[in-house]
Amino acid sequence: MAKSIQLGLKENWKQFTIGAIISGFTADMFGIEYAILIIEILTIISALIIAFRIPKLI
């Protein structure tokens, strides 16, 4: 049986914390523009992973 997917901040606080730390560190070291760029790149990568994994799960 497949594991149920948990959505929301309460269930995924570890992933959100890691993202906030990476974004904060990047913004502090290189500027807010690079922090936003990294968030955009990670979002695109996540979307591509989901797009290719969902058809296999259905």
C-alpha atoms as a PDB file:
ATOM      1  CA  MET A   1       0.000   0.000   0.000  1.00  0.00           C
ATOM      2  CA  ALA A   2       1.292   3.453  -0.918  1.00  0.00           C
ATOM      3  CA  LYS A   3       2.282   5.880   1.781  1.00  0.00           C
ATOM      4  CA  SER A   4      -0.132   8.791   2.106  1.00  0.00           C
ATOM      5  CA  ILE A   5       1.159  12.225   1.173  1.00  0.00           C
ATOM      6  CA  GLN A   6       1.314  14.762   3.981  1.00  0.00           C
ATOM      7  CA  LEU A   7       0.789  18.405   3.018  1.00  0.00           C
ATOM      8  CA  GLY A   8       1.119  21.533   5.106  1.00  0.00           C
ATOM      9  CA  LEU A   9       3.608  23.405   7.236  1.00  0.00           C
ATOM     10  CA  LYS A  10       3.058  21.265  10.327  1.00  0.00           C
ATOM     11  CA  GLU A  11       3.850  18.025   8.520  1.00  0.00           C
ATOM     12  CA  ASN A  12       6.806  19.366   6.490  1.00  0.00           C
ATOM     13  CA  TRP A  13       8.432  21.844   8.853  1.00  0.00           C
ATOM     14  CA  LYS A  14      11.892  20.331   8.331  1.00  0.00           C
ATOM     15  CA  GLN A  15      11.873  21.024   4.579  1.00  0.00           C
ATOM     16  CA  PHE A  16      10.618  24.575   5.126  1.00  0.00           C
ATOM     17  CA  THR A  17      13.303  25.194   7.749  1.00  0.00           C
ATOM     18  CA  ILE A  18      16.059  23.970   5.444  1.00  0.00           C
ATOM     19  CA  GLY A  19      14.750  26.200   2.650  1.00  0.00           C
ATOM     20  CA  ALA A  20      14.621  29.229   4.951  1.00  0.00           C
ATOM     21  CA  ILE A  21      18.176  28.639   6.192  1.00  0.00           C
ATOM     22  CA  ILE A  22      19.543  28.223   2.663  1.00  0.00           C
ATOM     23  CA  SER A  23      17.693  31.338   1.465  1.00  0.00           C
ATOM     24  CA  GLY A  24      18.815  33.400   4.443  1.00  0.00           C
ATOM     25  CA  PHE A  25      22.431  32.323   4.090  1.00  0.00           C
ATOM     26  CA  THR A  26      22.428  33.041   0.353  1.00  0.00           C
ATOM     27  CA  ALA A  27      20.784  36.446   0.808  1.00  0.00           C
ATOM     28  CA  ASP A  28      23.291  37.374   3.504  1.00  0.00           C
ATOM     29  CA  MET A  29      26.330  36.279   1.522  1.00  0.00           C
ATOM     30  CA  PHE A  30      25.403  37.253  -2.039  1.00  0.00           C
ATOM     31  CA  GLY A  31      22.334  39.496  -1.926  1.00  0.00           C
ATOM     32  CA  ILE A  32      18.608  39.045  -2.213  1.00  0.00           C
ATOM     33  CA  GLU A  33      18.742  38.661  -6.008  1.00  0.00           C
ATOM     34  CA  TYR A  34      20.759  35.458  -5.743  1.00  0.00           C
ATOM     35  CA  ALA A  35      18.541  34.121  -2.961  1.00  0.00           C
ATOM     36  CA  ILE A  36      15.496  34.585  -5.188  1.00  0.00           C
ATOM     37  CA  LEU A  37      17.351  32.975  -8.099  1.00  0.00           C
ATOM     38  CA  ILE A  38      18.192  29.906  -6.010  1.00  0.00           C
ATOM     39  CA  ILE A  39      14.561  29.604  -4.871  1.00  0.00           C
ATOM     40  CA  GLU A  40      13.446  29.778  -8.506  1.00  0.00           C
ATOM     41  CA  ILE A  41      15.938  27.103  -9.564  1.00  0.00           C
ATOM     42  CA  LEU A  42      14.919  24.773  -6.726  1.00  0.00           C
ATOM     43  CA  THR A  43      11.252  25.283  -7.607  1.00  0.00           C
ATOM     44  CA  ILE A  44      11.881  24.388 -11.259  1.00  0.00           C
ATOM     45  CA  ILE A  45      13.877  21.297 -10.284  1.00  0.00           C
ATOM     46  CA  SER A  46      11.123  20.196  -7.890  1.00  0.00           C
ATOM     47  CA  ALA A  47       8.472  20.708 -10.560  1.00  0.00           C
ATOM     48  CA  LEU A  48      10.430  18.625 -13.060  1.00  0.00           C
ATOM     49  CA  ILE A  49      10.939  15.812 -10.557  1.00  0.00           C
ATOM     50  CA  ILE A  50       7.226  15.787  -9.760  1.00  0.00           C
ATOM     51  CA  ALA A  51       6.251  15.948 -13.438  1.00  0.00           C
ATOM     52  CA  PHE A  52       8.289  12.855 -14.254  1.00  0.00           C
ATOM     53  CA  ARG A  53       7.469  10.841 -11.116  1.00  0.00           C
ATOM     54  CA  ILE A  54       3.678  11.332 -11.007  1.00  0.00           C
ATOM     55  CA  PRO A  55       2.966   9.348 -14.225  1.00  0.00           C
ATOM     56  CA  LYS A  56       4.948   6.403 -12.836  1.00  0.00           C
ATOM     57  CA  LEU A  57       2.888   6.398  -9.636  1.00  0.00           C
ATOM     58  CA  ILE A  58      -0.503   6.427 -11.375  1.00  0.00           C
END
